[in-house]
């Protein structure tokens, strides 16, 4: 019995190995450091629009991969928006597009929630 926690631990790695998912994993892992140093927005702004492509996840439709992407993208997006003194009012396409895609796949809005 784990209370409100899931019986099975959430996945920490993707079953697919590609550059986009590796970059997404690295960004999520580095998120505390990037926020602390104020570098998250700069790092995201330097990415090309398709550098966090998740189409392979949407084709495979493995639930653990989809949920992991939702967690990663949700935290990164919220970090981007709220990570400075003044919140950003626009989320770059490199984050917003895959976040909306994975949220649609899960039937949830693209927001950071306890479900993520």
PDB file of N, CA and C in Angstrom:
ATOM      1  N   UNK A   1       0.846  -1.185   0.000  1.00  0.00           N
ATOM      2  CA  UNK A   1       0.000   0.000   0.000  1.00  0.00           C
ATOM      3  C   UNK A   1       0.886   1.240   0.000  1.00  0.00           C
ATOM      4  N   UNK A   2       0.662   2.115  -0.966  1.00  0.00           N
ATOM      5  CA  UNK A   2       1.476   3.316  -1.103  1.00  0.00           C
ATOM      6  C   UNK A   2       0.654   4.588  -0.965  1.00  0.00           C
ATOM      7  N   UNK A   3      -0.529   4.508  -0.405  1.00  0.00           N
ATOM      8  CA  UNK A   3      -1.364   5.701  -0.284  1.00  0.00           C
ATOM      9  C   UNK A   3      -1.808   6.190  -1.647  1.00  0.00           C
ATOM     10  N   UNK A   4      -1.532   7.450  -1.941  1.00  0.00           N
ATOM     11  CA  UNK A   4      -1.940   8.029  -3.215  1.00  0.00           C
ATOM     12  C   UNK A   4      -0.918   7.805  -4.334  1.00  0.00           C
ATOM     13  N   UNK A   5       0.221   7.204  -4.005  1.00  0.00           N
ATOM     14  CA  UNK A   5       1.258   6.954  -5.007  1.00  0.00           C
ATOM     15  C   UNK A   5       0.906   5.741  -5.863  1.00  0.00           C
ATOM     16  N   UNK A   6       1.353   5.748  -7.115  1.00  0.00           N
ATOM     17  CA  UNK A   6       1.044   4.608  -7.986  1.00  0.00           C
ATOM     18  C   UNK A   6       1.752   3.341  -7.509  1.00  0.00           C
ATOM     19  N   UNK A   7       1.171   2.203  -7.792  1.00  0.00           N
ATOM     20  CA  UNK A   7       1.775   0.921  -7.424  1.00  0.00           C
ATOM     21  C   UNK A   7       3.126   0.732  -8.111  1.00  0.00           C
ATOM     22  N   UNK A   8       3.197   1.147  -9.372  1.00  0.00           N
ATOM     23  CA  UNK A   8       4.426   1.007 -10.135  1.00  0.00           C
ATOM     24  C   UNK A   8       5.094   2.377 -10.259  1.00  0.00           C
ATOM     25  N   UNK A   9       6.401   2.420 -10.042  1.00  0.00           N
ATOM     26  CA  UNK A   9       7.152   3.667 -10.172  1.00  0.00           C
ATOM     27  C   UNK A   9       7.027   4.211 -11.597  1.00  0.00           C
ATOM     28  N   UNK A  10       6.848   5.526 -11.749  1.00  0.00           N
ATOM     29  CA  UNK A  10       6.838   6.103 -13.096  1.00  0.00           C
ATOM     30  C   UNK A  10       8.184   5.902 -13.787  1.00  0.00           C
ATOM     31  N   UNK A  11       8.150   5.750 -15.075  1.00  0.00           N
ATOM     32  CA  UNK A  11       9.362   5.558 -15.864  1.00  0.00           C
ATOM     33  C   UNK A  11      10.237   6.804 -15.794  1.00  0.00           C
ATOM     34  N   UNK A  12      11.555   6.594 -15.777  1.00  0.00           N
ATOM     35  CA  UNK A  12      12.503   7.709 -15.760  1.00  0.00           C
ATOM     36  C   UNK A  12      13.272   7.829 -17.065  1.00  0.00           C
ATOM     37  N   UNK A  13      13.143   6.825 -17.930  1.00  0.00           N
ATOM     38  CA  UNK A  13      13.826   6.852 -19.225  1.00  0.00           C
ATOM     39  C   UNK A  13      12.846   6.427 -20.317  1.00  0.00           C
ATOM     40  N   UNK A  14      13.097   6.928 -21.506  1.00  0.00           N
ATOM     41  CA  UNK A  14      12.269   6.569 -22.655  1.00  0.00           C
ATOM     42  C   UNK A  14      12.708   5.219 -23.210  1.00  0.00           C
ATOM     43  N   UNK A  15      11.769   4.500 -23.773  1.00  0.00           N
ATOM     44  CA  UNK A  15      12.102   3.219 -24.407  1.00  0.00           C
ATOM     45  C   UNK A  15      12.712   3.436 -25.788  1.00  0.00           C
ATOM     46  N   UNK A  16      12.601   4.661 -26.289  1.00  0.00           N
ATOM     47  CA  UNK A  16      13.129   5.044 -27.596  1.00  0.00           C
ATOM     48  C   UNK A  16      14.370   5.903 -27.373  1.00  0.00           C
ATOM     49  N   UNK A  17      15.396   5.667 -28.159  1.00  0.00           N
ATOM     50  CA  UNK A  17      16.611   6.457 -28.053  1.00  0.00           C
ATOM     51  C   UNK A  17      16.758   7.308 -29.306  1.00  0.00           C
ATOM     52  N   UNK A  18      16.491   8.605 -29.171  1.00  0.00           N
ATOM     53  CA  UNK A  18      16.734   9.519 -30.289  1.00  0.00           C
ATOM     54  C   UNK A  18      17.180  10.870 -29.739  1.00  0.00           C
ATOM     55  N   UNK A  19      17.686  11.718 -30.606  1.00  0.00           N
ATOM     56  CA  UNK A  19      18.264  12.998 -30.178  1.00  0.00           C
ATOM     57  C   UNK A  19      17.257  13.894 -29.470  1.00  0.00           C
ATOM     58  N   UNK A  20      16.033  13.960 -29.973  1.00  0.00           N
ATOM     59  CA  UNK A  20      15.016  14.820 -29.372  1.00  0.00           C
ATOM     60  C   UNK A  20      14.693  14.389 -27.945  1.00  0.00           C
ATOM     61  N   UNK A  21      14.495  13.098 -27.760  1.00  0.00           N
ATOM     62  CA  UNK A  21      14.151  12.607 -26.421  1.00  0.00           C
ATOM     63  C   UNK A  21      15.348  12.684 -25.477  1.00  0.00           C
ATOM     64  N   UNK A  22      16.543  12.504 -25.997  1.00  0.00           N
ATOM     65  CA  UNK A  22      17.738  12.675 -25.168  1.00  0.00           C
ATOM     66  C   UNK A  22      17.870  14.126 -24.718  1.00  0.00           C
ATOM     67  N   UNK A  23      17.602  15.064 -25.621  1.00  0.00           N
ATOM     68  CA  UNK A  23      17.646  16.487 -25.274  1.00  0.00           C
ATOM     69  C   UNK A  23      16.566  16.821 -24.255  1.00  0.00           C
ATOM     70  N   UNK A  24      15.377  16.287 -24.443  1.00  0.00           N
ATOM     71  CA  UNK A  24      14.286  16.517 -23.500  1.00  0.00           C
ATOM     72  C   UNK A  24      14.650  15.996 -22.111  1.00  0.00           C
ATOM     73  N   UNK A  25      15.239  14.811 -22.060  1.00  0.00           N
ATOM     74  CA  UNK A  25      15.684  14.229 -20.788  1.00  0.00           C
ATOM     75  C   UNK A  25      16.759  15.097 -20.146  1.00  0.00           C
ATOM     76  N   UNK A  26      17.707  15.554 -20.934  1.00  0.00           N
ATOM     77  CA  UNK A  26      18.778  16.404 -20.402  1.00  0.00           C
ATOM     78  C   UNK A  26      18.231  17.720 -19.856  1.00  0.00           C
ATOM     79  N   UNK A  27      17.310  18.343 -20.589  1.00  0.00           N
ATOM     80  CA  UNK A  27      16.705  19.590 -20.116  1.00  0.00           C
ATOM     81  C   UNK A  27      15.978  19.377 -18.791  1.00  0.00           C
ATOM     82  N   UNK A  28      15.216  18.302 -18.712  1.00  0.00           N
ATOM     83  CA  UNK A  28      14.475  18.017 -17.476  1.00  0.00           C
ATOM     84  C   UNK A  28      15.436  17.738 -16.322  1.00  0.00           C
ATOM     85  N   UNK A  29      16.501  17.003 -16.586  1.00  0.00           N
ATOM     86  CA  UNK A  29      17.481  16.699 -15.541  1.00  0.00           C
ATOM     87  C   UNK A  29      18.221  17.949 -15.074  1.00  0.00           C
ATOM     88  N   UNK A  30      18.489  18.849 -16.003  1.00  0.00           N
ATOM     89  CA  UNK A  30      19.230  20.077 -15.690  1.00  0.00           C
ATOM     90  C   UNK A  30      18.335  21.214 -15.223  1.00  0.00           C
ATOM     91  N   UNK A  31      17.046  20.992 -15.170  1.00  0.00           N
ATOM     92  CA  UNK A  31      16.097  22.059 -14.860  1.00  0.00           C
ATOM     93  C   UNK A  31      16.418  22.808 -13.564  1.00  0.00           C
ATOM     94  N   UNK A  32      16.705  22.135 -12.452  1.00  0.00           N
ATOM     95  CA  UNK A  32      17.018  22.900 -11.237  1.00  0.00           C
ATOM     96  C   UNK A  32      18.219  23.830 -11.419  1.00  0.00           C
ATOM     97  N   UNK A  33      19.276  23.326 -12.053  1.00  0.00           N
ATOM     98  CA  UNK A  33      20.478  24.136 -12.272  1.00  0.00           C
ATOM     99  C   UNK A  33      20.178  25.296 -13.229  1.00  0.00           C
ATOM    100  N   UNK A  34      19.438  25.014 -14.301  1.00  0.00           N
ATOM    101  CA  UNK A  34      19.109  26.058 -15.271  1.00  0.00           C
ATOM    102  C   UNK A  34      18.249  27.152 -14.661  1.00  0.00           C
ATOM    103  N   UNK A  35      17.322  26.775 -13.787  1.00  0.00           N
ATOM    104  CA  UNK A  35      16.490  27.776 -13.118  1.00  0.00           C
ATOM    105  C   UNK A  35      17.309  28.584 -12.111  1.00  0.00           C
ATOM    106  N   UNK A  36      18.145  27.915 -11.368  1.00  0.00           N
ATOM    107  CA  UNK A  36      18.968  28.583 -10.353  1.00  0.00           C
ATOM    108  C   UNK A  36      19.907  29.612 -10.986  1.00  0.00           C
ATOM    109  N   UNK A  37      20.439  29.291 -12.159  1.00  0.00           N
ATOM    110  CA  UNK A  37      21.378  30.193 -12.831  1.00  0.00           C
ATOM    111  C   UNK A  37      20.693  31.147 -13.807  1.00  0.00           C
ATOM    112  N   UNK A  38      19.379  31.032 -13.950  1.00  0.00           N
ATOM    113  CA  UNK A  38      18.645  31.900 -14.860  1.00  0.00           C
ATOM    114  C   UNK A  38      18.908  31.618 -16.332  1.00  0.00           C
ATOM    115  N   UNK A  39      19.307  30.396 -16.662  1.00  0.00           N
ATOM    116  CA  UNK A  39      19.680  30.057 -18.033  1.00  0.00           C
ATOM    117  C   UNK A  39      18.625  29.262 -18.805  1.00  0.00           C
ATOM    118  N   UNK A  40      17.526  28.874 -18.163  1.00  0.00           N
ATOM    119  CA  UNK A  40      16.543  28.039 -18.851  1.00  0.00           C
ATOM    120  C   UNK A  40      15.979  28.718 -20.092  1.00  0.00           C
ATOM    121  N   UNK A  41      15.523  29.956 -19.954  1.00  0.00           N
ATOM    122  CA  UNK A  41      14.918  30.644 -21.088  1.00  0.00           C
ATOM    123  C   UNK A  41      15.915  30.783 -22.236  1.00  0.00           C
ATOM    124  N   UNK A  42      17.155  31.134 -21.924  1.00  0.00           N
ATOM    125  CA  UNK A  42      18.171  31.268 -22.975  1.00  0.00           C
ATOM    126  C   UNK A  42      18.401  29.945 -23.689  1.00  0.00           C
ATOM    127  N   UNK A  43      18.492  28.871 -22.924  1.00  0.00           N
ATOM    128  CA  UNK A  43      18.727  27.548 -23.514  1.00  0.00           C
ATOM    129  C   UNK A  43      17.563  27.150 -24.427  1.00  0.00           C
ATOM    130  N   UNK A  44      16.338  27.358 -23.971  1.00  0.00           N
ATOM    131  CA  UNK A  44      15.147  27.035 -24.770  1.00  0.00           C
ATOM    132  C   UNK A  44      15.083  27.922 -26.016  1.00  0.00           C
ATOM    133  N   UNK A  45      15.356  29.194 -25.859  1.00  0.00           N
ATOM    134  CA  UNK A  45      15.264  30.127 -26.987  1.00  0.00           C
ATOM    135  C   UNK A  45      16.275  29.816 -28.081  1.00  0.00           C
ATOM    136  N   UNK A  46      17.368  29.141 -27.767  1.00  0.00           N
ATOM    137  CA  UNK A  46      18.370  28.789 -28.771  1.00  0.00           C
ATOM    138  C   UNK A  46      18.011  27.519 -29.548  1.00  0.00           C
ATOM    139  N   UNK A  47      16.999  26.787 -29.102  1.00  0.00           N
ATOM    140  CA  UNK A  47      16.608  25.552 -29.783  1.00  0.00           C
ATOM    141  C   UNK A  47      15.809  25.849 -31.050  1.00  0.00           C
ATOM    142  N   UNK A  48      15.948  24.981 -32.032  1.00  0.00           N
ATOM    143  CA  UNK A  48      15.128  25.080 -33.251  1.00  0.00           C
ATOM    144  C   UNK A  48      13.735  24.544 -32.943  1.00  0.00           C
ATOM    145  N   UNK A  49      12.755  24.963 -33.733  1.00  0.00           N
ATOM    146  CA  UNK A  49      11.354  24.618 -33.483  1.00  0.00           C
ATOM    147  C   UNK A  49      11.087  23.118 -33.376  1.00  0.00           C
ATOM    148  N   UNK A  50      11.871  22.288 -34.037  1.00  0.00           N
ATOM    149  CA  UNK A  50      11.587  20.848 -34.052  1.00  0.00           C
ATOM    150  C   UNK A  50      12.585  20.025 -33.220  1.00  0.00           C
ATOM    151  N   UNK A  51      13.397  20.668 -32.404  1.00  0.00           N
ATOM    152  CA  UNK A  51      14.432  19.929 -31.670  1.00  0.00           C
ATOM    153  C   UNK A  51      13.883  19.034 -30.558  1.00  0.00           C
ATOM    154  N   UNK A  52      12.657  19.233 -30.148  1.00  0.00           N
ATOM    155  CA  UNK A  52      12.039  18.372 -29.133  1.00  0.00           C
ATOM    156  C   UNK A  52      10.883  17.586 -29.739  1.00  0.00           C
ATOM    157  N   UNK A  53      11.082  17.122 -30.943  1.00  0.00           N
ATOM    158  CA  UNK A  53      10.084  16.357 -31.702  1.00  0.00           C
ATOM    159  C   UNK A  53       9.704  15.078 -30.956  1.00  0.00           C
ATOM    160  N   UNK A  54       8.408  14.821 -30.835  1.00  0.00           N
ATOM    161  CA  UNK A  54       7.936  13.619 -30.114  1.00  0.00           C
ATOM    162  C   UNK A  54       7.099  12.701 -31.001  1.00  0.00           C
ATOM    163  N   UNK A  55       7.167  12.873 -32.307  1.00  0.00           N
ATOM    164  CA  UNK A  55       6.314  12.081 -33.200  1.00  0.00           C
ATOM    165  C   UNK A  55       6.529  10.583 -33.033  1.00  0.00           C
ATOM    166  N   UNK A  56       7.752  10.163 -32.758  1.00  0.00           N
ATOM    167  CA  UNK A  56       8.023   8.734 -32.575  1.00  0.00           C
ATOM    168  C   UNK A  56       7.272   8.187 -31.354  1.00  0.00           C
ATOM    169  N   UNK A  57       7.155   9.008 -30.323  1.00  0.00           N
ATOM    170  CA  UNK A  57       6.380   8.590 -29.143  1.00  0.00           C
ATOM    171  C   UNK A  57       4.906   8.430 -29.492  1.00  0.00           C
ATOM    172  N   UNK A  58       4.401   9.341 -30.307  1.00  0.00           N
ATOM    173  CA  UNK A  58       2.992   9.297 -30.676  1.00  0.00           C
ATOM    174  C   UNK A  58       2.683   8.127 -31.591  1.00  0.00           C
ATOM    175  N   UNK A  59       3.671   7.680 -32.346  1.00  0.00           N
ATOM    176  CA  UNK A  59       3.489   6.504 -33.191  1.00  0.00           C
ATOM    177  C   UNK A  59       3.491   5.235 -32.339  1.00  0.00           C
ATOM    178  N   UNK A  60       4.457   5.127 -31.433  1.00  0.00           N
ATOM    179  CA  UNK A  60       4.574   3.933 -30.583  1.00  0.00           C
ATOM    180  C   UNK A  60       3.481   3.854 -29.521  1.00  0.00           C
ATOM    181  N   UNK A  61       3.051   5.006 -29.017  1.00  0.00           N
ATOM    182  CA  UNK A  61       1.954   5.111 -28.040  1.00  0.00           C
ATOM    183  C   UNK A  61       2.176   4.274 -26.778  1.00  0.00           C
ATOM    184  N   UNK A  62       3.407   4.168 -26.339  1.00  0.00           N
ATOM    185  CA  UNK A  62       3.693   3.458 -25.098  1.00  0.00           C
ATOM    186  C   UNK A  62       3.343   4.387 -23.935  1.00  0.00           C
ATOM    187  N   UNK A  63       2.398   3.992 -23.072  1.00  0.00           N
ATOM    188  CA  UNK A  63       1.942   4.886 -22.007  1.00  0.00           C
ATOM    189  C   UNK A  63       3.057   5.437 -21.115  1.00  0.00           C
ATOM    190  N   UNK A  64       4.033   4.626 -20.768  1.00  0.00           N
ATOM    191  CA  UNK A  64       5.094   5.127 -19.889  1.00  0.00           C
ATOM    192  C   UNK A  64       5.908   6.224 -20.579  1.00  0.00           C
ATOM    193  N   UNK A  65       6.122   6.115 -21.878  1.00  0.00           N
ATOM    194  CA  UNK A  65       6.845   7.151 -22.621  1.00  0.00           C
ATOM    195  C   UNK A  65       6.015   8.426 -22.738  1.00  0.00           C
ATOM    196  N   UNK A  66       4.752   8.271 -23.026  1.00  0.00           N
ATOM    197  CA  UNK A  66       3.854   9.434 -23.164  1.00  0.00           C
ATOM    198  C   UNK A  66       3.768  10.186 -21.838  1.00  0.00           C
ATOM    199  N   UNK A  67       3.606   9.458 -20.747  1.00  0.00           N
ATOM    200  CA  UNK A  67       3.521  10.102 -19.435  1.00  0.00           C
ATOM    201  C   UNK A  67       4.824  10.771 -19.041  1.00  0.00           C
ATOM    202  N   UNK A  68       5.953  10.148 -19.368  1.00  0.00           N
ATOM    203  CA  UNK A  68       7.244  10.750 -19.082  1.00  0.00           C
ATOM    204  C   UNK A  68       7.417  12.049 -19.875  1.00  0.00           C
ATOM    205  N   UNK A  69       7.043  12.038 -21.136  1.00  0.00           N
ATOM    206  CA  UNK A  69       7.128  13.252 -21.949  1.00  0.00           C
ATOM    207  C   UNK A  69       6.241  14.349 -21.382  1.00  0.00           C
ATOM    208  N   UNK A  70       5.050  13.983 -20.909  1.00  0.00           N
ATOM    209  CA  UNK A  70       4.161  14.982 -20.312  1.00  0.00           C
ATOM    210  C   UNK A  70       4.798  15.592 -19.072  1.00  0.00           C
ATOM    211  N   UNK A  71       5.414  14.756 -18.236  1.00  0.00           N
ATOM    212  CA  UNK A  71       6.097  15.294 -17.045  1.00  0.00           C
ATOM    213  C   UNK A  71       7.233  16.225 -17.442  1.00  0.00           C
ATOM    214  N   UNK A  72       8.074  15.755 -18.346  1.00  0.00           N
ATOM    215  CA  UNK A  72       9.219  16.568 -18.763  1.00  0.00           C
ATOM    216  C   UNK A  72       8.767  17.901 -19.357  1.00  0.00           C
ATOM    217  N   UNK A  73       7.871  17.845 -20.323  1.00  0.00           N
ATOM    218  CA  UNK A  73       7.430  19.059 -20.999  1.00  0.00           C
ATOM    219  C   UNK A  73       6.678  20.001 -20.059  1.00  0.00           C
ATOM    220  N   UNK A  74       5.894  19.451 -19.151  1.00  0.00           N
ATOM    221  CA  UNK A  74       5.146  20.290 -18.207  1.00  0.00           C
ATOM    222  C   UNK A  74       6.081  21.064 -17.289  1.00  0.00           C
ATOM    223  N   UNK A  75       7.048  20.380 -16.724  1.00  0.00           N
ATOM    224  CA  UNK A  75       7.981  21.063 -15.828  1.00  0.00           C
ATOM    225  C   UNK A  75       8.834  22.081 -16.579  1.00  0.00           C
ATOM    226  N   UNK A  76       9.310  21.714 -17.760  1.00  0.00           N
ATOM    227  CA  UNK A  76      10.131  22.636 -18.548  1.00  0.00           C
ATOM    228  C   UNK A  76       9.317  23.870 -18.949  1.00  0.00           C
ATOM    229  N   UNK A  77       8.090  23.667 -19.396  1.00  0.00           N
ATOM    230  CA  UNK A  77       7.240  24.783 -19.819  1.00  0.00           C
ATOM    231  C   UNK A  77       6.953  25.719 -18.647  1.00  0.00           C
ATOM    232  N   UNK A  78       6.597  25.158 -17.512  1.00  0.00           N
ATOM    233  CA  UNK A  78       6.321  26.006 -16.355  1.00  0.00           C
ATOM    234  C   UNK A  78       7.585  26.699 -15.868  1.00  0.00           C
ATOM    235  N   UNK A  79       8.716  26.017 -15.950  1.00  0.00           N
ATOM    236  CA  UNK A  79       9.981  26.648 -15.606  1.00  0.00           C
ATOM    237  C   UNK A  79      10.289  27.809 -16.532  1.00  0.00           C
ATOM    238  N   UNK A  80      10.004  27.635 -17.812  1.00  0.00           N
ATOM    239  CA  UNK A  80      10.231  28.701 -18.781  1.00  0.00           C
ATOM    240  C   UNK A  80       9.352  29.906 -18.460  1.00  0.00           C
ATOM    241  N   UNK A  81       8.086  29.655 -18.205  1.00  0.00           N
ATOM    242  CA  UNK A  81       7.141  30.751 -17.953  1.00  0.00           C
ATOM    243  C   UNK A  81       7.446  31.463 -16.642  1.00  0.00           C
ATOM    244  N   UNK A  82       7.677  30.716 -15.571  1.00  0.00           N
ATOM    245  CA  UNK A  82       7.803  31.289 -14.229  1.00  0.00           C
ATOM    246  C   UNK A  82       9.246  31.406 -13.722  1.00  0.00           C
ATOM    247  N   UNK A  83      10.231  31.058 -14.547  1.00  0.00           N
ATOM    248  CA  UNK A  83      11.612  30.976 -14.089  1.00  0.00           C
ATOM    249  C   UNK A  83      12.372  32.284 -13.972  1.00  0.00           C
ATOM    250  N   UNK A  84      11.780  33.396 -14.314  1.00  0.00           N
ATOM    251  CA  UNK A  84      12.419  34.705 -14.186  1.00  0.00           C
ATOM    252  C   UNK A  84      11.642  35.551 -13.190  1.00  0.00           C
ATOM    253  N   UNK A  85      12.164  36.728 -12.914  1.00  0.00           N
ATOM    254  CA  UNK A  85      11.480  37.647 -12.002  1.00  0.00           C
ATOM    255  C   UNK A  85      10.092  37.966 -12.536  1.00  0.00           C
ATOM    256  N   UNK A  86      10.020  38.263 -13.822  1.00  0.00           N
ATOM    257  CA  UNK A  86       8.743  38.511 -14.486  1.00  0.00           C
ATOM    258  C   UNK A  86       8.377  37.291 -15.320  1.00  0.00           C
ATOM    259  N   UNK A  87       7.141  36.796 -15.208  1.00  0.00           N
ATOM    260  CA  UNK A  87       6.755  35.623 -16.004  1.00  0.00           C
ATOM    261  C   UNK A  87       6.713  35.950 -17.503  1.00  0.00           C
ATOM    262  N   UNK A  88       7.074  34.967 -18.310  1.00  0.00           N
ATOM    263  CA  UNK A  88       6.958  35.101 -19.766  1.00  0.00           C
ATOM    264  C   UNK A  88       5.503  34.868 -20.138  1.00  0.00           C
ATOM    265  N   UNK A  89       5.008  35.608 -21.098  1.00  0.00           N
ATOM    266  CA  UNK A  89       3.615  35.419 -21.520  1.00  0.00           C
ATOM    267  C   UNK A  89       3.502  34.645 -22.823  1.00  0.00           C
ATOM    268  N   UNK A  90       4.638  34.192 -23.361  1.00  0.00           N
ATOM    269  CA  UNK A  90       4.622  33.431 -24.606  1.00  0.00           C
ATOM    270  C   UNK A  90       5.578  32.253 -24.478  1.00  0.00           C
ATOM    271  N   UNK A  91       5.085  31.084 -24.795  1.00  0.00           N
ATOM    272  CA  UNK A  91       5.885  29.863 -24.742  1.00  0.00           C
ATOM    273  C   UNK A  91       6.368  29.538 -26.153  1.00  0.00           C
ATOM    274  N   UNK A  92       7.677  29.331 -26.342  1.00  0.00           N
ATOM    275  CA  UNK A  92       8.184  29.048 -27.687  1.00  0.00           C
ATOM    276  C   UNK A  92       7.615  27.756 -28.268  1.00  0.00           C
ATOM    277  N   UNK A  93       7.535  27.735 -29.586  1.00  0.00           N
ATOM    278  CA  UNK A  93       6.983  26.584 -30.312  1.00  0.00           C
ATOM    279  C   UNK A  93       7.724  25.292 -29.992  1.00  0.00           C
ATOM    280  N   UNK A  94       9.034  25.369 -29.753  1.00  0.00           N
ATOM    281  CA  UNK A  94       9.830  24.171 -29.481  1.00  0.00           C
ATOM    282  C   UNK A  94       9.304  23.422 -28.255  1.00  0.00           C
ATOM    283  N   UNK A  95       8.698  24.129 -27.311  1.00  0.00           N
ATOM    284  CA  UNK A  95       8.092  23.507 -26.124  1.00  0.00           C
ATOM    285  C   UNK A  95       6.587  23.344 -26.310  1.00  0.00           C
ATOM    286  N   UNK A  96       5.924  24.384 -26.802  1.00  0.00           N
ATOM    287  CA  UNK A  96       4.460  24.355 -26.849  1.00  0.00           C
ATOM    288  C   UNK A  96       3.907  23.280 -27.784  1.00  0.00           C
ATOM    289  N   UNK A  97       4.531  23.100 -28.945  1.00  0.00           N
ATOM    290  CA  UNK A  97       4.000  22.126 -29.904  1.00  0.00           C
ATOM    291  C   UNK A  97       4.031  20.697 -29.356  1.00  0.00           C
ATOM    292  N   UNK A  98       5.184  20.193 -28.878  1.00  0.00           N
ATOM    293  CA  UNK A  98       5.163  18.824 -28.359  1.00  0.00           C
ATOM    294  C   UNK A  98       4.329  18.685 -27.086  1.00  0.00           C
ATOM    295  N   UNK A  99       4.261  19.743 -26.289  1.00  0.00           N
ATOM    296  CA  UNK A  99       3.472  19.687 -25.060  1.00  0.00           C
ATOM    297  C   UNK A  99       1.988  19.537 -25.380  1.00  0.00           C
ATOM    298  N   UNK A 100       1.509  20.298 -26.327  1.00  0.00           N
ATOM    299  CA  UNK A 100       0.104  20.183 -26.745  1.00  0.00           C
ATOM    300  C   UNK A 100      -0.150  18.815 -27.375  1.00  0.00           C
ATOM    301  N   UNK A 101       0.785  18.329 -28.183  1.00  0.00           N
ATOM    302  CA  UNK A 101       0.606  17.020 -28.809  1.00  0.00           C
ATOM    303  C   UNK A 101       0.481  15.903 -27.771  1.00  0.00           C
ATOM    304  N   UNK A 102       1.370  15.897 -26.803  1.00  0.00           N
ATOM    305  CA  UNK A 102       1.340  14.827 -25.805  1.00  0.00           C
ATOM    306  C   UNK A 102       0.133  14.992 -24.882  1.00  0.00           C
ATOM    307  N   UNK A 103      -0.245  16.219 -24.575  1.00  0.00           N
ATOM    308  CA  UNK A 103      -1.442  16.454 -23.756  1.00  0.00           C
ATOM    309  C   UNK A 103      -2.687  15.962 -24.490  1.00  0.00           C
ATOM    310  N   UNK A 104      -2.770  16.234 -25.784  1.00  0.00           N
ATOM    311  CA  UNK A 104      -3.901  15.743 -26.577  1.00  0.00           C
ATOM    312  C   UNK A 104      -3.944  14.219 -26.573  1.00  0.00           C
ATOM    313  N   UNK A 105      -2.782  13.588 -26.681  1.00  0.00           N
ATOM    314  CA  UNK A 105      -2.712  12.123 -26.655  1.00  0.00           C
ATOM    315  C   UNK A 105      -3.254  11.578 -25.334  1.00  0.00           C
ATOM    316  N   UNK A 106      -3.008  12.301 -24.251  1.00  0.00           N
ATOM    317  CA  UNK A 106      -3.473  11.880 -22.926  1.00  0.00           C
ATOM    318  C   UNK A 106      -4.896  12.351 -22.614  1.00  0.00           C
ATOM    319  N   UNK A 107      -5.454  13.215 -23.470  1.00  0.00           N
ATOM    320  CA  UNK A 107      -6.790  13.732 -23.235  1.00  0.00           C
ATOM    321  C   UNK A 107      -6.834  14.716 -22.078  1.00  0.00           C
ATOM    322  N   UNK A 108      -5.737  15.430 -21.868  1.00  0.00           N
ATOM    323  CA  UNK A 108      -5.642  16.411 -20.780  1.00  0.00           C
ATOM    324  C   UNK A 108      -5.149  17.735 -21.347  1.00  0.00           C
ATOM    325  N   UNK A 109      -5.392  18.813 -20.634  1.00  0.00           N
ATOM    326  CA  UNK A 109      -4.843  20.104 -21.102  1.00  0.00           C
ATOM    327  C   UNK A 109      -3.336  20.164 -20.822  1.00  0.00           C
ATOM    328  N   UNK A 110      -2.608  20.977 -21.578  1.00  0.00           N
ATOM    329  CA  UNK A 110      -1.185  21.129 -21.331  1.00  0.00           C
ATOM    330  C   UNK A 110      -0.931  22.046 -20.129  1.00  0.00           C
ATOM    331  N   UNK A 111      -1.043  21.473 -18.953  1.00  0.00           N
ATOM    332  CA  UNK A 111      -0.742  22.183 -17.705  1.00  0.00           C
ATOM    333  C   UNK A 111      -0.008  21.206 -16.784  1.00  0.00           C
ATOM    334  N   UNK A 112       0.742  21.754 -15.870  1.00  0.00           N
ATOM    335  CA  UNK A 112       1.410  20.939 -14.878  1.00  0.00           C
ATOM    336  C   UNK A 112       0.371  20.590 -13.813  1.00  0.00           C
ATOM    337  N   UNK A 113       0.099  19.305 -13.651  1.00  0.00           N
ATOM    338  CA  UNK A 113      -0.904  18.881 -12.683  1.00  0.00           C
ATOM    339  C   UNK A 113      -0.400  17.657 -11.934  1.00  0.00           C
ATOM    340  N   UNK A 114      -1.118  17.279 -10.893  1.00  0.00           N
ATOM    341  CA  UNK A 114      -0.737  16.090 -10.139  1.00  0.00           C
ATOM    342  C   UNK A 114      -0.780  14.845 -11.019  1.00  0.00           C
ATOM    343  N   UNK A 115      -1.621  14.837 -12.032  1.00  0.00           N
ATOM    344  CA  UNK A 115      -1.687  13.703 -12.947  1.00  0.00           C
ATOM    345  C   UNK A 115      -0.388  13.541 -13.728  1.00  0.00           C
ATOM    346  N   UNK A 116       0.318  14.632 -13.928  1.00  0.00           N
ATOM    347  CA  UNK A 116       1.596  14.588 -14.660  1.00  0.00           C
ATOM    348  C   UNK A 116       2.725  14.191 -13.735  1.00  0.00           C
TER     349      UNK A 116
END
